[in-house]
Amino acid sequence: MWIRSQSGESLLNVKDLCIYESNYEEKKYQFRCFGFGDDYYILGNYSSKEKAMKVLDKIHKTLLSDLEMNLDVFQMPQDNEV
């Protein structure tokens, strides 16, 4: 599935996607997809696990309806849009 990053600066053909809890200065929930080796791309950052799960639900629904709706790219929403 093609996913455009929250920033709009990356468009990646994503096979695997995970939510990662980041504990730097403030807690964030990041959508990451992994590349080669230990490389990964951050597709979006969300302020709560609940928001990240809502986005994951949207991605899931898009995958399920992809054939019917002919959607090719999922745009990661901004944190305040969730």
C-alpha atoms as a PDB file:
ATOM      1  CA  MET A   1       0.000   0.000   0.000  1.00  0.00           C
ATOM      2  CA  TRP A   2       1.287   3.457  -0.842  1.00  0.00           C
ATOM      3  CA  ILE A   3       1.267   5.857   2.126  1.00  0.00           C
ATOM      4  CA  ARG A   4       2.193   9.524   2.026  1.00  0.00           C
ATOM      5  CA  SER A   5       3.810  10.794   5.207  1.00  0.00           C
ATOM      6  CA  GLN A   6       2.178  13.299   7.534  1.00  0.00           C
ATOM      7  CA  SER A   7       4.657  15.944   6.380  1.00  0.00           C
ATOM      8  CA  GLY A   8       3.864  15.190   2.748  1.00  0.00           C
ATOM      9  CA  GLU A   9       7.580  14.829   2.007  1.00  0.00           C
ATOM     10  CA  SER A  10       7.677  11.033   1.603  1.00  0.00           C
ATOM     11  CA  LEU A  11       5.652   8.561  -0.417  1.00  0.00           C
ATOM     12  CA  LEU A  12       6.435   4.965   0.461  1.00  0.00           C
ATOM     13  CA  ASN A  13       5.208   1.594  -0.681  1.00  0.00           C
ATOM     14  CA  VAL A  14       4.629   0.121   2.767  1.00  0.00           C
ATOM     15  CA  LYS A  15       4.548  -3.599   3.383  1.00  0.00           C
ATOM     16  CA  ASP A  16       4.776  -3.509   7.186  1.00  0.00           C
ATOM     17  CA  LEU A  17       3.782  -0.727   9.560  1.00  0.00           C
ATOM     18  CA  CYS A  18       3.980  -0.446  13.335  1.00  0.00           C
ATOM     19  CA  ILE A  19       3.140   2.036  16.066  1.00  0.00           C
ATOM     20  CA  TYR A  20       6.181   2.855  18.170  1.00  0.00           C
ATOM     21  CA  GLU A  21       5.997   4.566  21.558  1.00  0.00           C
ATOM     22  CA  SER A  22       8.675   7.264  21.683  1.00  0.00           C
ATOM     23  CA  ASN A  23       9.789   8.484  25.104  1.00  0.00           C
ATOM     24  CA  TYR A  24      12.038  11.419  24.273  1.00  0.00           C
ATOM     25  CA  GLU A  25      11.148  14.868  25.667  1.00  0.00           C
ATOM     26  CA  GLU A  26       7.439  14.121  25.463  1.00  0.00           C
ATOM     27  CA  LYS A  27       5.665  10.875  24.768  1.00  0.00           C
ATOM     28  CA  LYS A  28       4.666  10.417  21.112  1.00  0.00           C
ATOM     29  CA  TYR A  29       3.282   7.562  19.127  1.00  0.00           C
ATOM     30  CA  GLN A  30       4.975   7.185  15.767  1.00  0.00           C
ATOM     31  CA  PHE A  31       3.983   5.207  12.718  1.00  0.00           C
ATOM     32  CA  ARG A  32       7.148   3.588  11.438  1.00  0.00           C
ATOM     33  CA  CYS A  33       7.868   1.466   8.435  1.00  0.00           C
ATOM     34  CA  PHE A  34      11.179  -0.271   8.147  1.00  0.00           C
ATOM     35  CA  GLY A  35      13.565  -0.234   5.224  1.00  0.00           C
ATOM     36  CA  PHE A  36      16.832  -2.086   4.894  1.00  0.00           C
ATOM     37  CA  GLY A  37      18.688  -3.187   8.005  1.00  0.00           C
ATOM     38  CA  ASP A  38      17.890  -0.962  10.962  1.00  0.00           C
ATOM     39  CA  ASP A  39      16.656   1.925   8.797  1.00  0.00           C
ATOM     40  CA  TYR A  40      13.102   3.123   9.311  1.00  0.00           C
ATOM     41  CA  TYR A  41      10.878   5.957   8.144  1.00  0.00           C
ATOM     42  CA  ILE A  42       8.528   7.903  10.393  1.00  0.00           C
ATOM     43  CA  LEU A  43       5.221   8.383   8.595  1.00  0.00           C
ATOM     44  CA  GLY A  44       3.392  10.284  11.321  1.00  0.00           C
ATOM     45  CA  ASN A  45       3.483  11.371  14.961  1.00  0.00           C
ATOM     46  CA  TYR A  46       0.481  11.375  17.288  1.00  0.00           C
ATOM     47  CA  SER A  47       0.083  12.656  20.833  1.00  0.00           C
ATOM     48  CA  SER A  48      -1.832   9.656  22.185  1.00  0.00           C
ATOM     49  CA  LYS A  49      -2.137   5.949  21.604  1.00  0.00           C
ATOM     50  CA  GLU A  50      -5.873   6.385  21.026  1.00  0.00           C
ATOM     51  CA  LYS A  51      -5.226   8.754  18.089  1.00  0.00           C
ATOM     52  CA  ALA A  52      -2.619   6.405  16.636  1.00  0.00           C
ATOM     53  CA  MET A  53      -5.076   3.519  16.879  1.00  0.00           C
ATOM     54  CA  LYS A  54      -7.753   5.574  15.080  1.00  0.00           C
ATOM     55  CA  VAL A  55      -5.305   6.179  12.233  1.00  0.00           C
ATOM     56  CA  LEU A  56      -4.457   2.465  12.146  1.00  0.00           C
ATOM     57  CA  ASP A  57      -8.192   1.728  11.932  1.00  0.00           C
ATOM     58  CA  LYS A  58      -8.465   4.153   8.965  1.00  0.00           C
ATOM     59  CA  ILE A  59      -5.574   2.437   7.209  1.00  0.00           C
ATOM     60  CA  HIS A  60      -7.208  -0.942   7.836  1.00  0.00           C
ATOM     61  CA  LYS A  61     -10.542   0.250   6.404  1.00  0.00           C
ATOM     62  CA  THR A  62      -8.741   1.685   3.374  1.00  0.00           C
ATOM     63  CA  LEU A  63      -7.056  -1.661   2.756  1.00  0.00           C
ATOM     64  CA  LEU A  64     -10.367  -3.499   3.040  1.00  0.00           C
ATOM     65  CA  SER A  65     -12.136  -1.161   0.622  1.00  0.00           C
ATOM     66  CA  ASP A  66      -9.194  -0.604  -1.744  1.00  0.00           C
ATOM     67  CA  LEU A  67     -10.678  -2.700  -4.528  1.00  0.00           C
ATOM     68  CA  GLU A  68     -14.068  -1.021  -4.346  1.00  0.00           C
ATOM     69  CA  MET A  69     -12.838   2.554  -3.944  1.00  0.00           C
ATOM     70  CA  ASN A  70      -9.707   2.255  -6.084  1.00  0.00           C
ATOM     71  CA  LEU A  71      -7.595   4.190  -3.555  1.00  0.00           C
ATOM     72  CA  ASP A  72      -3.887   4.003  -4.163  1.00  0.00           C
ATOM     73  CA  VAL A  73      -2.425   6.417  -1.592  1.00  0.00           C
ATOM     74  CA  PHE A  74      -3.329   6.897   2.074  1.00  0.00           C
ATOM     75  CA  GLN A  75      -2.455  10.345   3.469  1.00  0.00           C
ATOM     76  CA  MET A  76      -1.398  10.289   7.126  1.00  0.00           C
ATOM     77  CA  PRO A  77      -3.620  12.880   8.900  1.00  0.00           C
ATOM     78  CA  GLN A  78      -2.238  15.582  11.163  1.00  0.00           C
ATOM     79  CA  ASP A  79      -2.487  15.003  14.922  1.00  0.00           C
ATOM     80  CA  ASN A  80      -5.259  17.608  15.306  1.00  0.00           C
ATOM     81  CA  GLU A  81      -7.341  15.939  12.564  1.00  0.00           C
ATOM     82  CA  VAL A  82      -7.698  12.670  14.458  1.00  0.00           C
END
